[in-house]
């Protein structure tokens, strides 16, 4: 898979040397981080400037269904407008970590509800 500056997500087939799926993200932001859940049911895309992640449901590797958005920014202070999402990593099928450029890790759980940061 690849996330691009043109806000699209592409799922590639290496043996077929082709794109299985190309989905235009539902935002106009560049995608800076991507991660699949271990069971490949969920995909999280981190965005460049707004401090946000988009959660997608993977439907049989044919298309991505926009499931929701998650704010990954501070409530108050200098970085309340959001910082670039630098990395996304799943811990389990239900929990994932998000790293942002404000030097914080945030743990999300259960379909995007915030567990702790």
PDB file of N, CA and C in Angstrom:
ATOM      1  N   UNK A   1       0.841  -1.173   0.000  1.00  0.00           N
ATOM      2  CA  UNK A   1       0.000   0.000   0.000  1.00  0.00           C
ATOM      3  C   UNK A   1       0.879   1.226   0.000  1.00  0.00           C
ATOM      4  N   UNK A   2       0.341   2.288  -0.513  1.00  0.00           N
ATOM      5  CA  UNK A   2       1.073   3.551  -0.502  1.00  0.00           C
ATOM      6  C   UNK A   2       0.089   4.701  -0.330  1.00  0.00           C
ATOM      7  N   UNK A   3       0.533   5.698   0.402  1.00  0.00           N
ATOM      8  CA  UNK A   3      -0.217   6.934   0.560  1.00  0.00           C
ATOM      9  C   UNK A   3       0.547   8.024  -0.146  1.00  0.00           C
ATOM     10  N   UNK A   4      -0.148   8.915  -0.815  1.00  0.00           N
ATOM     11  CA  UNK A   4       0.520   9.862  -1.696  1.00  0.00           C
ATOM     12  C   UNK A   4       0.194  11.308  -1.354  1.00  0.00           C
ATOM     13  N   UNK A   5       0.971  12.198  -1.934  1.00  0.00           N
ATOM     14  CA  UNK A   5       0.740  13.622  -1.748  1.00  0.00           C
ATOM     15  C   UNK A   5      -0.539  14.092  -2.437  1.00  0.00           C
ATOM     16  N   UNK A   6      -1.057  13.294  -3.380  1.00  0.00           N
ATOM     17  CA  UNK A   6      -2.305  13.662  -4.055  1.00  0.00           C
ATOM     18  C   UNK A   6      -3.539  13.137  -3.312  1.00  0.00           C
ATOM     19  N   UNK A   7      -3.382  12.755  -2.042  1.00  0.00           N
ATOM     20  CA  UNK A   7      -4.475  12.310  -1.161  1.00  0.00           C
ATOM     21  C   UNK A   7      -5.088  10.983  -1.570  1.00  0.00           C
ATOM     22  N   UNK A   8      -4.352  10.162  -2.289  1.00  0.00           N
ATOM     23  CA  UNK A   8      -4.908   8.866  -2.685  1.00  0.00           C
ATOM     24  C   UNK A   8      -4.153   7.736  -1.991  1.00  0.00           C
ATOM     25  N   UNK A   9      -4.871   6.640  -1.779  1.00  0.00           N
ATOM     26  CA  UNK A   9      -4.310   5.430  -1.193  1.00  0.00           C
ATOM     27  C   UNK A   9      -4.359   4.358  -2.274  1.00  0.00           C
ATOM     28  N   UNK A  10      -3.237   3.700  -2.482  1.00  0.00           N
ATOM     29  CA  UNK A  10      -3.186   2.642  -3.491  1.00  0.00           C
ATOM     30  C   UNK A  10      -2.759   1.340  -2.839  1.00  0.00           C
ATOM     31  N   UNK A  11      -3.466   0.272  -3.162  1.00  0.00           N
ATOM     32  CA  UNK A  11      -3.122  -1.076  -2.715  1.00  0.00           C
ATOM     33  C   UNK A  11      -2.562  -1.805  -3.925  1.00  0.00           C
ATOM     34  N   UNK A  12      -1.323  -2.240  -3.802  1.00  0.00           N
ATOM     35  CA  UNK A  12      -0.602  -2.817  -4.927  1.00  0.00           C
ATOM     36  C   UNK A  12      -0.557  -4.337  -4.846  1.00  0.00           C
ATOM     37  N   UNK A  13      -0.546  -4.989  -6.000  1.00  0.00           N
ATOM     38  CA  UNK A  13      -0.318  -6.425  -6.102  1.00  0.00           C
ATOM     39  C   UNK A  13       1.062  -6.621  -6.726  1.00  0.00           C
ATOM     40  N   UNK A  14       1.988  -7.145  -5.941  1.00  0.00           N
ATOM     41  CA  UNK A  14       3.351  -7.340  -6.437  1.00  0.00           C
ATOM     42  C   UNK A  14       3.396  -8.437  -7.508  1.00  0.00           C
ATOM     43  N   UNK A  15       2.745  -9.615  -7.275  1.00  0.00           N
ATOM     44  CA  UNK A  15       2.805 -10.651  -8.320  1.00  0.00           C
ATOM     45  C   UNK A  15       2.166 -10.209  -9.650  1.00  0.00           C
ATOM     46  N   UNK A  16       1.063  -9.463  -9.581  1.00  0.00           N
ATOM     47  CA  UNK A  16       0.386  -9.022 -10.807  1.00  0.00           C
ATOM     48  C   UNK A  16       0.998  -7.758 -11.391  1.00  0.00           C
ATOM     49  N   UNK A  17       1.864  -7.077 -10.604  1.00  0.00           N
ATOM     50  CA  UNK A  17       2.497  -5.828 -11.018  1.00  0.00           C
ATOM     51  C   UNK A  17       1.460  -4.782 -11.421  1.00  0.00           C
ATOM     52  N   UNK A  18       0.433  -4.667 -10.584  1.00  0.00           N
ATOM     53  CA  UNK A  18      -0.628  -3.712 -10.886  1.00  0.00           C
ATOM     54  C   UNK A  18      -1.246  -3.188  -9.588  1.00  0.00           C
ATOM     55  N   UNK A  19      -2.116  -2.215  -9.731  1.00  0.00           N
ATOM     56  CA  UNK A  19      -2.831  -1.650  -8.597  1.00  0.00           C
ATOM     57  C   UNK A  19      -4.142  -2.409  -8.425  1.00  0.00           C
ATOM     58  N   UNK A  20      -4.343  -2.985  -7.235  1.00  0.00           N
ATOM     59  CA  UNK A  20      -5.606  -3.669  -6.958  1.00  0.00           C
ATOM     60  C   UNK A  20      -6.722  -2.669  -6.684  1.00  0.00           C
ATOM     61  N   UNK A  21      -6.354  -1.594  -5.997  1.00  0.00           N
ATOM     62  CA  UNK A  21      -7.367  -0.637  -5.595  1.00  0.00           C
ATOM     63  C   UNK A  21      -6.707   0.727  -5.488  1.00  0.00           C
ATOM     64  N   UNK A  22      -7.372   1.742  -5.983  1.00  0.00           N
ATOM     65  CA  UNK A  22      -6.924   3.125  -5.806  1.00  0.00           C
ATOM     66  C   UNK A  22      -8.109   3.902  -5.262  1.00  0.00           C
ATOM     67  N   UNK A  23      -7.930   4.476  -4.091  1.00  0.00           N
ATOM     68  CA  UNK A  23      -9.025   5.184  -3.448  1.00  0.00           C
ATOM     69  C   UNK A  23      -8.588   6.606  -3.149  1.00  0.00           C
ATOM     70  N   UNK A  24      -9.346   7.557  -3.634  1.00  0.00           N
ATOM     71  CA  UNK A  24      -9.070   8.967  -3.333  1.00  0.00           C
ATOM     72  C   UNK A  24      -9.534   9.220  -1.914  1.00  0.00           C
ATOM     73  N   UNK A  25      -8.617   9.709  -1.089  1.00  0.00           N
ATOM     74  CA  UNK A  25      -8.943   9.987   0.302  1.00  0.00           C
ATOM     75  C   UNK A  25     -10.070  11.013   0.369  1.00  0.00           C
ATOM     76  N   UNK A  26     -10.803  11.004   1.438  1.00  0.00           N
ATOM     77  CA  UNK A  26     -11.933  11.913   1.611  1.00  0.00           C
ATOM     78  C   UNK A  26     -11.502  13.278   2.126  1.00  0.00           C
ATOM     79  N   UNK A  27     -10.225  13.566   2.046  1.00  0.00           N
ATOM     80  CA  UNK A  27      -9.706  14.882   2.420  1.00  0.00           C
ATOM     81  C   UNK A  27      -8.788  15.357   1.303  1.00  0.00           C
ATOM     82  N   UNK A  28      -8.391  16.594   1.360  1.00  0.00           N
ATOM     83  CA  UNK A  28      -7.445  17.124   0.387  1.00  0.00           C
ATOM     84  C   UNK A  28      -6.047  17.228   0.974  1.00  0.00           C
ATOM     85  N   UNK A  29      -5.778  16.481   2.018  1.00  0.00           N
ATOM     86  CA  UNK A  29      -4.490  16.500   2.703  1.00  0.00           C
ATOM     87  C   UNK A  29      -3.590  15.381   2.197  1.00  0.00           C
ATOM     88  N   UNK A  30      -2.302  15.640   2.229  1.00  0.00           N
ATOM     89  CA  UNK A  30      -1.324  14.608   1.888  1.00  0.00           C
ATOM     90  C   UNK A  30      -1.316  13.540   2.971  1.00  0.00           C
ATOM     91  N   UNK A  31      -1.125  12.302   2.570  1.00  0.00           N
ATOM     92  CA  UNK A  31      -1.095  11.175   3.504  1.00  0.00           C
ATOM     93  C   UNK A  31       0.360  10.922   3.886  1.00  0.00           C
ATOM     94  N   UNK A  32       0.635  10.958   5.195  1.00  0.00           N
ATOM     95  CA  UNK A  32       2.011  10.814   5.669  1.00  0.00           C
ATOM     96  C   UNK A  32       2.267   9.503   6.392  1.00  0.00           C
ATOM     97  N   UNK A  33       1.226   8.768   6.762  1.00  0.00           N
ATOM     98  CA  UNK A  33       1.403   7.496   7.469  1.00  0.00           C
ATOM     99  C   UNK A  33       0.223   6.584   7.165  1.00  0.00           C
ATOM    100  N   UNK A  34       0.502   5.296   7.025  1.00  0.00           N
ATOM    101  CA  UNK A  34      -0.536   4.293   6.777  1.00  0.00           C
ATOM    102  C   UNK A  34      -0.225   3.040   7.570  1.00  0.00           C
ATOM    103  N   UNK A  35      -1.283   2.355   8.012  1.00  0.00           N
ATOM    104  CA  UNK A  35      -1.085   1.073   8.670  1.00  0.00           C
ATOM    105  C   UNK A  35      -2.363   0.243   8.584  1.00  0.00           C
ATOM    106  N   UNK A  36      -2.182  -1.045   8.282  1.00  0.00           N
ATOM    107  CA  UNK A  36      -3.277  -2.013   8.325  1.00  0.00           C
ATOM    108  C   UNK A  36      -3.321  -2.663   9.694  1.00  0.00           C
ATOM    109  N   UNK A  37      -4.507  -3.050  10.142  1.00  0.00           N
ATOM    110  CA  UNK A  37      -4.634  -3.857  11.352  1.00  0.00           C
ATOM    111  C   UNK A  37      -4.111  -5.263  11.042  1.00  0.00           C
ATOM    112  N   UNK A  38      -3.756  -6.039  12.069  1.00  0.00           N
ATOM    113  CA  UNK A  38      -3.240  -7.396  11.820  1.00  0.00           C
ATOM    114  C   UNK A  38      -4.191  -8.295  11.027  1.00  0.00           C
ATOM    115  N   UNK A  39      -5.505  -8.112  11.194  1.00  0.00           N
ATOM    116  CA  UNK A  39      -6.453  -8.918  10.429  1.00  0.00           C
ATOM    117  C   UNK A  39      -6.828  -8.277   9.090  1.00  0.00           C
ATOM    118  N   UNK A  40      -6.203  -7.140   8.753  1.00  0.00           N
ATOM    119  CA  UNK A  40      -6.404  -6.408   7.500  1.00  0.00           C
ATOM    120  C   UNK A  40      -7.822  -5.884   7.315  1.00  0.00           C
ATOM    121  N   UNK A  41      -8.590  -5.791   8.397  1.00  0.00           N
ATOM    122  CA  UNK A  41      -9.953  -5.259   8.297  1.00  0.00           C
ATOM    123  C   UNK A  41      -9.963  -3.733   8.337  1.00  0.00           C
ATOM    124  N   UNK A  42      -9.015  -3.136   9.047  1.00  0.00           N
ATOM    125  CA  UNK A  42      -8.974  -1.686   9.232  1.00  0.00           C
ATOM    126  C   UNK A  42      -7.701  -1.104   8.641  1.00  0.00           C
ATOM    127  N   UNK A  43      -7.805   0.119   8.163  1.00  0.00           N
ATOM    128  CA  UNK A  43      -6.674   0.881   7.663  1.00  0.00           C
ATOM    129  C   UNK A  43      -6.751   2.269   8.276  1.00  0.00           C
ATOM    130  N   UNK A  44      -5.642   2.744   8.820  1.00  0.00           N
ATOM    131  CA  UNK A  44      -5.577   4.096   9.369  1.00  0.00           C
ATOM    132  C   UNK A  44      -4.606   4.899   8.527  1.00  0.00           C
ATOM    133  N   UNK A  45      -5.054   6.073   8.081  1.00  0.00           N
ATOM    134  CA  UNK A  45      -4.214   6.989   7.301  1.00  0.00           C
ATOM    135  C   UNK A  45      -4.000   8.259   8.108  1.00  0.00           C
ATOM    136  N   UNK A  46      -2.736   8.622   8.321  1.00  0.00           N
ATOM    137  CA  UNK A  46      -2.388   9.858   9.015  1.00  0.00           C
ATOM    138  C   UNK A  46      -2.190  10.979   8.012  1.00  0.00           C
ATOM    139  N   UNK A  47      -2.682  12.178   8.357  1.00  0.00           N
ATOM    140  CA  UNK A  47      -2.644  13.306   7.433  1.00  0.00           C
ATOM    141  C   UNK A  47      -1.536  14.292   7.796  1.00  0.00           C
ATOM    142  N   UNK A  48      -1.153  15.116   6.833  1.00  0.00           N
ATOM    143  CA  UNK A  48       0.037  15.949   6.947  1.00  0.00           C
ATOM    144  C   UNK A  48      -0.087  17.126   7.898  1.00  0.00           C
ATOM    145  N   UNK A  49      -1.086  17.954   7.773  1.00  0.00           N
ATOM    146  CA  UNK A  49      -1.047  19.230   8.494  1.00  0.00           C
ATOM    147  C   UNK A  49      -2.145  19.445   9.516  1.00  0.00           C
ATOM    148  N   UNK A  50      -3.156  18.640   9.540  1.00  0.00           N
ATOM    149  CA  UNK A  50      -4.300  18.936  10.414  1.00  0.00           C
ATOM    150  C   UNK A  50      -4.333  18.120  11.693  1.00  0.00           C
ATOM    151  N   UNK A  51      -3.351  17.266  11.930  1.00  0.00           N
ATOM    152  CA  UNK A  51      -3.341  16.458  13.146  1.00  0.00           C
ATOM    153  C   UNK A  51      -4.525  15.523  13.220  1.00  0.00           C
ATOM    154  N   UNK A  52      -4.775  14.810  12.145  1.00  0.00           N
ATOM    155  CA  UNK A  52      -5.949  13.955  12.066  1.00  0.00           C
ATOM    156  C   UNK A  52      -5.598  12.630  11.409  1.00  0.00           C
ATOM    157  N   UNK A  53      -6.319  11.580  11.817  1.00  0.00           N
ATOM    158  CA  UNK A  53      -6.233  10.276  11.164  1.00  0.00           C
ATOM    159  C   UNK A  53      -7.608   9.934  10.613  1.00  0.00           C
ATOM    160  N   UNK A  54      -7.618   9.236   9.501  1.00  0.00           N
ATOM    161  CA  UNK A  54      -8.856   8.757   8.904  1.00  0.00           C
ATOM    162  C   UNK A  54      -8.860   7.244   9.023  1.00  0.00           C
ATOM    163  N   UNK A  55      -9.946   6.694   9.566  1.00  0.00           N
ATOM    164  CA  UNK A  55     -10.091   5.262   9.754  1.00  0.00           C
ATOM    165  C   UNK A  55     -10.964   4.710   8.632  1.00  0.00           C
ATOM    166  N   UNK A  56     -10.447   3.684   7.939  1.00  0.00           N
ATOM    167  CA  UNK A  56     -11.159   3.049   6.836  1.00  0.00           C
ATOM    168  C   UNK A  56     -11.418   1.590   7.169  1.00  0.00           C
ATOM    169  N   UNK A  57     -12.536   1.073   6.652  1.00  0.00           N
ATOM    170  CA  UNK A  57     -12.809  -0.354   6.720  1.00  0.00           C
ATOM    171  C   UNK A  57     -12.464  -0.949   5.357  1.00  0.00           C
ATOM    172  N   UNK A  58     -11.649  -1.989   5.347  1.00  0.00           N
ATOM    173  CA  UNK A  58     -11.225  -2.654   4.117  1.00  0.00           C
ATOM    174  C   UNK A  58     -12.278  -3.696   3.739  1.00  0.00           C
ATOM    175  N   UNK A  59     -12.931  -3.497   2.613  1.00  0.00           N
ATOM    176  CA  UNK A  59     -13.983  -4.415   2.153  1.00  0.00           C
ATOM    177  C   UNK A  59     -13.394  -5.338   1.086  1.00  0.00           C
ATOM    178  N   UNK A  60     -12.992  -6.533   1.504  1.00  0.00           N
ATOM    179  CA  UNK A  60     -12.505  -7.601   0.618  1.00  0.00           C
ATOM    180  C   UNK A  60     -11.426  -7.142  -0.358  1.00  0.00           C
ATOM    181  N   UNK A  61     -10.571  -6.238   0.046  1.00  0.00           N
ATOM    182  CA  UNK A  61      -9.502  -5.692  -0.795  1.00  0.00           C
ATOM    183  C   UNK A  61     -10.010  -5.117  -2.111  1.00  0.00           C
ATOM    184  N   UNK A  62     -11.275  -4.681  -2.130  1.00  0.00           N
ATOM    185  CA  UNK A  62     -11.844  -4.097  -3.345  1.00  0.00           C
ATOM    186  C   UNK A  62     -12.101  -2.609  -3.206  1.00  0.00           C
ATOM    187  N   UNK A  63     -12.505  -2.177  -2.022  1.00  0.00           N
ATOM    188  CA  UNK A  63     -12.638  -0.744  -1.785  1.00  0.00           C
ATOM    189  C   UNK A  63     -12.556  -0.440  -0.288  1.00  0.00           C
ATOM    190  N   UNK A  64     -12.293   0.819  -0.002  1.00  0.00           N
ATOM    191  CA  UNK A  64     -12.187   1.281   1.375  1.00  0.00           C
ATOM    192  C   UNK A  64     -13.413   2.108   1.724  1.00  0.00           C
ATOM    193  N   UNK A  65     -14.006   1.801   2.858  1.00  0.00           N
ATOM    194  CA  UNK A  65     -15.176   2.541   3.326  1.00  0.00           C
ATOM    195  C   UNK A  65     -14.728   3.482   4.443  1.00  0.00           C
ATOM    196  N   UNK A  66     -15.003   4.773   4.271  1.00  0.00           N
ATOM    197  CA  UNK A  66     -14.641   5.773   5.280  1.00  0.00           C
ATOM    198  C   UNK A  66     -15.440   5.490   6.542  1.00  0.00           C
ATOM    199  N   UNK A  67     -14.726   5.176   7.628  1.00  0.00           N
ATOM    200  CA  UNK A  67     -15.384   4.801   8.878  1.00  0.00           C
ATOM    201  C   UNK A  67     -15.444   5.964   9.866  1.00  0.00           C
ATOM    202  N   UNK A  68     -14.470   6.862   9.817  1.00  0.00           N
ATOM    203  CA  UNK A  68     -14.486   8.003  10.723  1.00  0.00           C
ATOM    204  C   UNK A  68     -13.162   8.721  10.771  1.00  0.00           C
ATOM    205  N   UNK A  69     -13.170   9.845  11.468  1.00  0.00           N
ATOM    206  CA  UNK A  69     -11.972  10.659  11.627  1.00  0.00           C
ATOM    207  C   UNK A  69     -11.620  10.772  13.109  1.00  0.00           C
ATOM    208  N   UNK A  70     -10.329  10.892  13.384  1.00  0.00           N
ATOM    209  CA  UNK A  70      -9.843  10.952  14.754  1.00  0.00           C
ATOM    210  C   UNK A  70      -8.900  12.146  14.871  1.00  0.00           C
ATOM    211  N   UNK A  71      -9.183  13.049  15.794  1.00  0.00           N
ATOM    212  CA  UNK A  71      -8.290  14.175  16.048  1.00  0.00           C
ATOM    213  C   UNK A  71      -7.097  13.705  16.867  1.00  0.00           C
ATOM    214  N   UNK A  72      -5.919  14.079  16.433  1.00  0.00           N
ATOM    215  CA  UNK A  72      -4.670  13.734  17.122  1.00  0.00           C
ATOM    216  C   UNK A  72      -3.925  15.022  17.424  1.00  0.00           C
ATOM    217  N   UNK A  73      -4.556  15.880  18.180  1.00  0.00           N
ATOM    218  CA  UNK A  73      -3.935  17.168  18.485  1.00  0.00           C
ATOM    219  C   UNK A  73      -4.220  17.578  19.918  1.00  0.00           C
ATOM    220  N   UNK A  74      -3.490  18.567  20.368  1.00  0.00           N
ATOM    221  CA  UNK A  74      -3.661  19.057  21.725  1.00  0.00           C
ATOM    222  C   UNK A  74      -4.947  19.877  21.832  1.00  0.00           C
ATOM    223  N   UNK A  75      -5.530  19.875  23.004  1.00  0.00           N
ATOM    224  CA  UNK A  75      -6.757  20.663  23.211  1.00  0.00           C
ATOM    225  C   UNK A  75      -6.465  22.148  23.376  1.00  0.00           C
ATOM    226  N   UNK A  76      -5.323  22.469  23.983  1.00  0.00           N
ATOM    227  CA  UNK A  76      -4.939  23.859  24.235  1.00  0.00           C
ATOM    228  C   UNK A  76      -3.472  24.050  23.881  1.00  0.00           C
ATOM    229  N   UNK A  77      -3.079  25.309  23.743  1.00  0.00           N
ATOM    230  CA  UNK A  77      -1.674  25.612  23.574  1.00  0.00           C
ATOM    231  C   UNK A  77      -1.240  25.799  22.142  1.00  0.00           C
ATOM    232  N   UNK A  78       0.083  25.766  21.981  1.00  0.00           N
ATOM    233  CA  UNK A  78       0.708  26.043  20.693  1.00  0.00           C
ATOM    234  C   UNK A  78       0.281  25.106  19.573  1.00  0.00           C
ATOM    235  N   UNK A  79       0.118  23.852  19.876  1.00  0.00           N
ATOM    236  CA  UNK A  79      -0.142  22.856  18.836  1.00  0.00           C
ATOM    237  C   UNK A  79      -1.605  22.435  18.763  1.00  0.00           C
ATOM    238  N   UNK A  80      -2.513  23.294  19.200  1.00  0.00           N
ATOM    239  CA  UNK A  80      -3.931  22.921  19.183  1.00  0.00           C
ATOM    240  C   UNK A  80      -4.509  22.885  17.769  1.00  0.00           C
ATOM    241  N   UNK A  81      -3.821  23.483  16.812  1.00  0.00           N
ATOM    242  CA  UNK A  81      -4.305  23.429  15.431  1.00  0.00           C
ATOM    243  C   UNK A  81      -3.904  22.130  14.740  1.00  0.00           C
ATOM    244  N   UNK A  82      -3.040  21.344  15.364  1.00  0.00           N
ATOM    245  CA  UNK A  82      -2.665  20.043  14.821  1.00  0.00           C
ATOM    246  C   UNK A  82      -1.265  20.027  14.241  1.00  0.00           C
ATOM    247  N   UNK A  83      -0.620  18.885  14.336  1.00  0.00           N
ATOM    248  CA  UNK A  83       0.708  18.664  13.790  1.00  0.00           C
ATOM    249  C   UNK A  83       0.666  17.445  12.875  1.00  0.00           C
ATOM    250  N   UNK A  84       1.674  17.290  12.048  1.00  0.00           N
ATOM    251  CA  UNK A  84       1.739  16.174  11.100  1.00  0.00           C
ATOM    252  C   UNK A  84       1.749  14.840  11.841  1.00  0.00           C
ATOM    253  N   UNK A  85       0.985  13.895  11.336  1.00  0.00           N
ATOM    254  CA  UNK A  85       1.020  12.529  11.856  1.00  0.00           C
ATOM    255  C   UNK A  85       2.235  11.855  11.227  1.00  0.00           C
ATOM    256  N   UNK A  86       3.181  11.465  12.083  1.00  0.00           N
ATOM    257  CA  UNK A  86       4.447  10.913  11.605  1.00  0.00           C
ATOM    258  C   UNK A  86       4.412   9.395  11.468  1.00  0.00           C
ATOM    259  N   UNK A  87       3.560   8.718  12.244  1.00  0.00           N
ATOM    260  CA  UNK A  87       3.513   7.264  12.173  1.00  0.00           C
ATOM    261  C   UNK A  87       2.270   6.696  12.802  1.00  0.00           C
ATOM    262  N   UNK A  88       1.845   5.550  12.287  1.00  0.00           N
ATOM    263  CA  UNK A  88       0.693   4.818  12.813  1.00  0.00           C
ATOM    264  C   UNK A  88       1.102   3.360  12.902  1.00  0.00           C
ATOM    265  N   UNK A  89       0.804   2.727  14.042  1.00  0.00           N
ATOM    266  CA  UNK A  89       1.168   1.328  14.217  1.00  0.00           C
ATOM    267  C   UNK A  89       0.097   0.615  15.034  1.00  0.00           C
ATOM    268  N   UNK A  90      -0.429  -0.485  14.519  1.00  0.00           N
ATOM    269  CA  UNK A  90      -1.427  -1.267  15.240  1.00  0.00           C
ATOM    270  C   UNK A  90      -0.748  -2.140  16.282  1.00  0.00           C
ATOM    271  N   UNK A  91      -1.338  -2.193  17.476  1.00  0.00           N
ATOM    272  CA  UNK A  91      -0.885  -3.067  18.549  1.00  0.00           C
ATOM    273  C   UNK A  91      -1.677  -4.365  18.497  1.00  0.00           C
ATOM    274  N   UNK A  92      -2.965  -4.254  18.233  1.00  0.00           N
ATOM    275  CA  UNK A  92      -3.862  -5.400  18.075  1.00  0.00           C
ATOM    276  C   UNK A  92      -4.886  -5.018  17.017  1.00  0.00           C
ATOM    277  N   UNK A  93      -5.895  -5.861  16.815  1.00  0.00           N
ATOM    278  CA  UNK A  93      -6.940  -5.545  15.846  1.00  0.00           C
ATOM    279  C   UNK A  93      -7.789  -4.353  16.279  1.00  0.00           C
ATOM    280  N   UNK A  94      -7.767  -4.019  17.557  1.00  0.00           N
ATOM    281  CA  UNK A  94      -8.611  -2.952  18.102  1.00  0.00           C
ATOM    282  C   UNK A  94      -7.852  -1.709  18.547  1.00  0.00           C
ATOM    283  N   UNK A  95      -6.543  -1.792  18.758  1.00  0.00           N
ATOM    284  CA  UNK A  95      -5.773  -0.671  19.301  1.00  0.00           C
ATOM    285  C   UNK A  95      -4.627  -0.286  18.374  1.00  0.00           C
ATOM    286  N   UNK A  96      -4.395   1.033  18.273  1.00  0.00           N
ATOM    287  CA  UNK A  96      -3.267   1.503  17.481  1.00  0.00           C
ATOM    288  C   UNK A  96      -2.661   2.752  18.111  1.00  0.00           C
ATOM    289  N   UNK A  97      -1.360   2.929  17.840  1.00  0.00           N
ATOM    290  CA  UNK A  97      -0.607   4.081  18.314  1.00  0.00           C
ATOM    291  C   UNK A  97      -0.432   5.072  17.178  1.00  0.00           C
ATOM    292  N   UNK A  98      -0.514   6.365  17.526  1.00  0.00           N
ATOM    293  CA  UNK A  98      -0.289   7.430  16.561  1.00  0.00           C
ATOM    294  C   UNK A  98       0.822   8.328  17.093  1.00  0.00           C
ATOM    295  N   UNK A  99       1.856   8.545  16.294  1.00  0.00           N
ATOM    296  CA  UNK A  99       2.950   9.453  16.644  1.00  0.00           C
ATOM    297  C   UNK A  99       2.797  10.723  15.817  1.00  0.00           C
ATOM    298  N   UNK A 100       2.904  11.877  16.483  1.00  0.00           N
ATOM    299  CA  UNK A 100       2.782  13.155  15.791  1.00  0.00           C
ATOM    300  C   UNK A 100       4.044  13.980  15.993  1.00  0.00           C
ATOM    301  N   UNK A 101       4.161  15.062  15.229  1.00  0.00           N
ATOM    302  CA  UNK A 101       5.356  15.902  15.298  1.00  0.00           C
ATOM    303  C   UNK A 101       5.418  16.790  16.531  1.00  0.00           C
ATOM    304  N   UNK A 102       4.487  16.667  17.458  1.00  0.00           N
ATOM    305  CA  UNK A 102       4.611  17.387  18.724  1.00  0.00           C
ATOM    306  C   UNK A 102       5.235  16.479  19.791  1.00  0.00           C
ATOM    307  N   UNK A 103       5.885  15.409  19.362  1.00  0.00           N
ATOM    308  CA  UNK A 103       6.615  14.462  20.226  1.00  0.00           C
ATOM    309  C   UNK A 103       5.703  13.722  21.192  1.00  0.00           C
ATOM    310  N   UNK A 104       4.525  13.371  20.744  1.00  0.00           N
ATOM    311  CA  UNK A 104       3.600  12.610  21.586  1.00  0.00           C
ATOM    312  C   UNK A 104       3.163  11.335  20.882  1.00  0.00           C
ATOM    313  N   UNK A 105       2.885  10.333  21.712  1.00  0.00           N
ATOM    314  CA  UNK A 105       2.263   9.094  21.245  1.00  0.00           C
ATOM    315  C   UNK A 105       0.860   9.065  21.813  1.00  0.00           C
ATOM    316  N   UNK A 106      -0.093   8.697  20.980  1.00  0.00           N
ATOM    317  CA  UNK A 106      -1.472   8.601  21.432  1.00  0.00           C
ATOM    318  C   UNK A 106      -1.985   7.203  21.132  1.00  0.00           C
ATOM    319  N   UNK A 107      -2.656   6.606  22.099  1.00  0.00           N
ATOM    320  CA  UNK A 107      -3.211   5.259  21.950  1.00  0.00           C
ATOM    321  C   UNK A 107      -4.704   5.382  21.739  1.00  0.00           C
ATOM    322  N   UNK A 108      -5.194   4.761  20.665  1.00  0.00           N
ATOM    323  CA  UNK A 108      -6.621   4.763  20.364  1.00  0.00           C
ATOM    324  C   UNK A 108      -7.125   3.324  20.383  1.00  0.00           C
ATOM    325  N   UNK A 109      -8.390   3.178  20.772  1.00  0.00           N
ATOM    326  CA  UNK A 109      -8.959   1.855  20.955  1.00  0.00           C
ATOM    327  C   UNK A 109     -10.429   1.847  20.560  1.00  0.00           C
ATOM    328  N   UNK A 110     -10.921   0.686  20.115  1.00  0.00           N
ATOM    329  CA  UNK A 110     -12.347   0.470  19.897  1.00  0.00           C
ATOM    330  C   UNK A 110     -12.979   1.338  18.842  1.00  0.00           C
ATOM    331  N   UNK A 111     -12.523   1.240  17.603  1.00  0.00           N
ATOM    332  CA  UNK A 111     -13.157   1.980  16.522  1.00  0.00           C
ATOM    333  C   UNK A 111     -12.895   3.475  16.586  1.00  0.00           C
ATOM    334  N   UNK A 112     -11.762   3.865  17.136  1.00  0.00           N
ATOM    335  CA  UNK A 112     -11.378   5.256  17.114  1.00  0.00           C
ATOM    336  C   UNK A 112     -11.620   6.014  18.388  1.00  0.00           C
ATOM    337  N   UNK A 113     -12.186   5.402  19.407  1.00  0.00           N
ATOM    338  CA  UNK A 113     -12.360   6.123  20.678  1.00  0.00           C
ATOM    339  C   UNK A 113     -11.020   6.227  21.366  1.00  0.00           C
ATOM    340  N   UNK A 114     -10.754   7.372  21.913  1.00  0.00           N
ATOM    341  CA  UNK A 114      -9.460   7.614  22.531  1.00  0.00           C
ATOM    342  C   UNK A 114      -9.353   6.902  23.866  1.00  0.00           C
ATOM    343  N   UNK A 115      -8.319   6.111  24.050  1.00  0.00           N
ATOM    344  CA  UNK A 115      -8.118   5.391  25.303  1.00  0.00           C
ATOM    345  C   UNK A 115      -7.255   6.215  26.242  1.00  0.00           C
ATOM    346  N   UNK A 116      -6.106   6.634  25.805  1.00  0.00           N
ATOM    347  CA  UNK A 116      -5.203   7.450  26.609  1.00  0.00           C
ATOM    348  C   UNK A 116      -4.137   8.029  25.703  1.00  0.00           C
ATOM    349  N   UNK A 117      -3.454   9.050  26.189  1.00  0.00           N
ATOM    350  CA  UNK A 117      -2.376   9.637  25.382  1.00  0.00           C
ATOM    351  C   UNK A 117      -1.208   9.997  26.274  1.00  0.00           C
TER     352      UNK A 117
END
